[in-house]
Amino acid sequence: MRLYIVRHGETDWNRIHRVQGRTDIPLNDYGRHLARETAEGMKGIRIDLGYTSPLLRAKETARILLGDRDVPLYEDSRIEELSFGSYEGMRTGGEEKDAQSEAFQRFFTDTAHYIPPQDGETVPQLYERTGDFLAEICAKEELQDKSILVSTHGAAMTALLNRIRGNLSVSEFWRDEVPPNCSVTEVEVRDGKPRIIREGVIYYKEKVKKWKTV
């Protein structure tokens, strides 16, 4: 089995440093451009089926990447972005930076001490649901010879990759920065065990800013 795990393309909220989480924001024109460039780079890769977060930005990215391939695309809420509850919509940079943004920024700077709002989700909860998704896919006998696209989000993708590495430490959640928009990580699965083959592959020429928002 091969998994191609991709973060969605850019959105307007990425660009203006606004927290998205589960808020359903579509790709902007530049995000669609990045997805088309990525689709061109991946056109020689066989894809047998896809899984996507139900959120618009991930679904649109998946559809662009699949192009004219006649393959099924399944929505799975377990690979949605982390819910940030009442923090969603908050500006975390620029002149309109929200006064509460420092509490949110702990998610990146001090994840072990990040406290989500009451209506938000914790990192262990994110690890649990994304881990359940990964375990189910890797165990399916009928998928062992398949090549699968997985379209997801910055924190959800990071949780998946951390689990593959075997490190579920909350304090070390951000081993690296947020994966760039439309970056692709290739994972090989043998005997139900996933292994990262290539990480953070970029198929577009532009140097995209690494937004410190998800």
Protein backbone atom coordinates (compact mmCIF):
# COMPACT_ATOMS: atom_id res chain seq x y z
CA MET A 1 0.00 0.00 0.00
CA ARG A 2 1.05 3.56 -0.70
CA LEU A 3 -0.47 6.59 1.01
CA TYR A 4 -0.02 10.10 -0.38
CA ILE A 5 -0.94 12.40 2.50
CA VAL A 6 -1.44 16.02 1.45
CA ARG A 7 -2.32 19.24 3.21
CA HIS A 8 -4.99 21.34 1.49
CA GLY A 9 -4.16 24.39 -0.64
CA GLU A 10 -4.11 27.95 0.63
CA THR A 11 -7.26 29.77 1.81
CA ASP A 12 -7.96 33.44 2.44
CA TRP A 13 -7.94 32.74 6.17
CA ASN A 14 -4.44 31.22 5.90
CA ARG A 15 -3.30 34.41 4.22
CA ILE A 16 -4.69 36.81 6.85
CA HIS A 17 -3.63 34.66 9.84
CA ARG A 18 -7.16 33.74 10.88
CA VAL A 19 -7.70 30.49 12.81
CA GLN A 20 -9.74 28.02 10.73
CA GLY A 21 -10.01 24.69 12.54
CA ARG A 22 -13.43 23.24 11.63
CA THR A 23 -14.67 26.50 10.08
CA ASP A 24 -15.46 25.60 6.48
CA ILE A 25 -13.37 27.97 4.36
CA PRO A 26 -12.83 27.20 0.64
CA LEU A 27 -9.56 27.45 -1.25
CA ASN A 28 -8.64 30.82 -2.70
CA ASP A 29 -7.45 31.22 -6.29
CA TYR A 30 -3.82 30.80 -5.26
CA GLY A 31 -4.69 27.66 -3.31
CA ARG A 32 -6.33 26.22 -6.42
CA HIS A 33 -3.24 27.13 -8.42
CA LEU A 34 -1.01 25.27 -5.94
CA ALA A 35 -3.31 22.26 -6.13
CA ARG A 36 -3.21 22.28 -9.94
CA GLU A 37 0.59 22.48 -9.90
CA THR A 38 0.67 19.58 -7.45
CA ALA A 39 -1.74 17.60 -9.62
CA GLU A 40 0.59 18.13 -12.58
CA GLY A 41 3.54 16.89 -10.52
CA MET A 42 1.61 13.81 -9.41
CA LYS A 43 0.07 12.94 -12.78
CA GLY A 44 2.40 9.97 -13.23
CA ILE A 45 1.45 8.47 -9.85
CA ARG A 46 -1.22 5.79 -9.80
CA ILE A 47 -4.08 6.63 -7.45
CA ASP A 48 -6.75 3.97 -6.88
CA LEU A 49 -8.94 5.83 -4.39
CA GLY A 50 -8.94 8.80 -2.07
CA TYR A 51 -9.98 9.83 1.41
CA THR A 52 -10.67 13.43 2.31
CA SER A 53 -11.70 15.52 5.26
CA PRO A 54 -15.30 16.69 4.70
CA LEU A 55 -14.17 20.34 4.93
CA LEU A 56 -14.30 22.28 1.65
CA ARG A 57 -10.62 23.18 1.46
CA ALA A 58 -9.56 19.53 1.70
CA LYS A 59 -12.30 18.22 -0.61
CA GLU A 60 -11.51 20.75 -3.32
CA THR A 61 -7.79 19.97 -3.06
CA ALA A 62 -8.51 16.24 -3.39
CA ARG A 63 -10.73 16.73 -6.44
CA ILE A 64 -8.12 18.87 -8.17
CA LEU A 65 -5.36 16.35 -7.41
CA LEU A 66 -7.43 13.43 -8.67
CA GLY A 67 -8.22 15.30 -11.89
CA ASP A 68 -9.86 13.07 -14.47
CA ARG A 69 -9.04 9.84 -12.63
CA ASP A 70 -12.25 7.84 -12.31
CA VAL A 71 -11.68 6.69 -8.73
CA PRO A 72 -13.82 6.86 -5.57
CA LEU A 73 -13.28 9.67 -3.05
CA TYR A 74 -14.53 9.02 0.48
CA GLU A 75 -15.15 11.65 3.15
CA ASP A 76 -13.97 10.80 6.66
CA SER A 77 -14.47 13.15 9.61
CA ARG A 78 -11.58 11.53 11.50
CA ILE A 79 -9.12 13.48 9.32
CA GLU A 80 -10.82 16.85 9.81
CA GLU A 81 -8.76 19.64 11.32
CA LEU A 82 -8.48 20.04 15.08
CA SER A 83 -11.45 21.96 16.46
CA PHE A 84 -10.37 25.24 18.05
CA GLY A 85 -13.86 26.13 19.25
CA SER A 86 -14.31 29.81 20.05
CA TYR A 87 -10.74 30.55 18.89
CA GLU A 88 -11.85 29.97 15.30
CA GLY A 89 -12.06 33.20 13.33
CA MET A 90 -9.45 34.86 15.55
CA ARG A 91 -6.72 36.93 13.89
CA THR A 92 -3.28 35.86 15.11
CA GLY A 93 -1.12 38.36 13.22
CA GLY A 94 -1.05 41.80 11.66
CA GLU A 95 -2.61 45.04 12.87
CA GLU A 96 -5.94 43.35 13.64
CA LYS A 97 -4.36 40.72 15.89
CA ASP A 98 -6.84 39.52 18.50
CA ALA A 99 -6.03 40.15 22.16
CA GLN A 100 -6.67 36.46 22.96
CA SER A 101 -4.29 35.22 20.29
CA GLU A 102 -1.43 34.63 22.74
CA ALA A 103 -3.44 31.87 24.43
CA PHE A 104 -4.04 30.25 21.04
CA GLN A 105 -0.37 30.57 20.00
CA ARG A 106 0.58 28.20 22.82
CA PHE A 107 -0.70 25.49 20.48
CA PHE A 108 2.45 26.12 18.43
CA THR A 109 4.94 27.42 21.00
CA ASP A 110 4.10 25.33 24.09
CA THR A 111 1.71 22.60 22.97
CA ALA A 112 1.86 20.69 26.26
CA HIS A 113 0.32 23.70 28.02
CA TYR A 114 -2.17 24.64 25.31
CA ILE A 115 -5.67 24.77 26.82
CA PRO A 116 -8.45 24.62 24.22
CA PRO A 117 -11.71 26.48 24.78
CA GLN A 118 -14.55 24.43 26.29
CA ASP A 119 -15.98 23.87 22.82
CA GLY A 120 -12.58 22.94 21.36
CA GLU A 121 -10.61 19.71 21.02
CA THR A 122 -7.42 18.52 22.71
CA VAL A 123 -4.32 17.18 20.99
CA PRO A 124 -4.82 13.70 22.55
CA GLN A 125 -8.33 13.66 21.06
CA LEU A 126 -6.83 14.54 17.67
CA TYR A 127 -4.27 11.74 18.04
CA GLU A 128 -7.04 9.27 18.91
CA ARG A 129 -9.30 9.92 15.92
CA THR A 130 -6.54 10.27 13.31
CA GLY A 131 -4.85 7.18 14.72
CA ASP A 132 -8.10 5.24 14.43
CA PHE A 133 -8.35 6.30 10.77
CA LEU A 134 -4.76 5.26 10.03
CA ALA A 135 -5.07 1.90 11.79
CA GLU A 136 -8.27 1.07 9.93
CA ILE A 137 -6.81 1.90 6.52
CA CYS A 138 -3.57 0.01 7.15
CA ALA A 139 -5.45 -3.09 8.30
CA LYS A 140 -7.84 -3.39 5.35
CA GLU A 141 -6.88 -6.47 3.38
CA GLU A 142 -8.52 -5.21 0.20
CA LEU A 143 -6.37 -2.05 0.23
CA GLN A 144 -2.95 -3.68 0.58
CA ASP A 145 -2.09 -3.29 -3.11
CA LYS A 146 -3.70 0.15 -3.50
CA SER A 147 -2.30 3.64 -3.93
CA ILE A 148 -4.36 6.06 -1.84
CA LEU A 149 -4.66 9.85 -1.67
CA VAL A 150 -5.39 11.32 1.79
CA SER A 151 -6.37 15.01 1.76
CA THR A 152 -6.30 16.61 5.18
CA HIS A 153 -5.09 19.59 7.26
CA GLY A 154 -1.99 20.94 8.99
CA ALA A 155 -2.53 19.65 12.52
CA ALA A 156 -4.34 16.48 11.43
CA MET A 157 -1.53 15.65 9.00
CA THR A 158 1.06 16.28 11.72
CA ALA A 159 -0.81 13.93 14.07
CA LEU A 160 -0.83 11.20 11.41
CA LEU A 161 2.89 11.57 10.71
CA ASN A 162 3.80 11.68 14.41
CA ARG A 163 1.91 8.42 14.92
CA ILE A 164 3.77 6.81 12.02
CA ARG A 165 7.05 7.94 13.63
CA GLY A 166 5.91 6.45 16.93
CA ASN A 167 6.04 9.71 18.87
CA LEU A 168 2.73 10.78 20.44
CA SER A 169 4.27 13.28 22.83
CA VAL A 170 2.06 16.36 23.11
CA SER A 171 5.03 18.55 24.04
CA GLU A 172 6.82 17.45 20.84
CA PHE A 173 3.75 17.67 18.62
CA TRP A 174 5.34 20.28 16.35
CA ARG A 175 8.52 18.36 15.61
CA ASP A 176 8.67 20.54 12.51
CA GLU A 177 6.64 23.53 11.37
CA VAL A 178 3.12 23.32 9.98
CA PRO A 179 3.31 21.35 6.69
CA PRO A 180 3.19 23.77 3.73
CA ASN A 181 -0.01 23.98 1.71
CA CYS A 182 -0.21 21.14 -0.86
CA SER A 183 2.91 19.42 0.48
CA VAL A 184 2.79 15.66 -0.04
CA THR A 185 4.19 12.91 2.17
CA GLU A 186 4.50 9.39 0.77
CA VAL A 187 3.97 6.49 3.16
CA GLU A 188 4.59 2.80 2.46
CA VAL A 189 2.49 0.25 4.34
CA ARG A 190 3.78 -3.32 4.62
CA ASP A 191 2.17 -5.97 6.83
CA GLY A 192 -0.04 -3.25 8.27
CA LYS A 193 2.92 -1.12 9.37
CA PRO A 194 3.32 2.37 7.87
CA ARG A 195 6.70 3.93 7.11
CA ILE A 196 7.45 7.41 5.76
CA ILE A 197 9.27 7.21 2.41
CA ARG A 198 9.34 10.87 1.36
CA GLU A 199 8.15 13.80 3.44
CA GLY A 200 6.98 17.28 2.53
CA VAL A 201 7.38 16.97 -1.24
CA ILE A 202 6.55 20.21 -3.08
CA TYR A 203 5.51 20.05 -6.72
CA TYR A 204 5.12 23.79 -7.36
CA LYS A 205 7.85 26.31 -8.10
CA GLU A 206 6.73 29.12 -5.81
CA LYS A 207 8.21 29.51 -2.36
CA VAL A 208 5.06 29.54 -0.27
CA LYS A 209 5.00 31.27 3.08
CA LYS A 210 4.58 28.86 5.99
CA TRP A 211 1.46 30.23 7.64
CA LYS A 212 1.50 29.83 11.42
CA THR A 213 -2.23 29.08 11.32
CA VAL A 214 -4.28 25.93 10.77
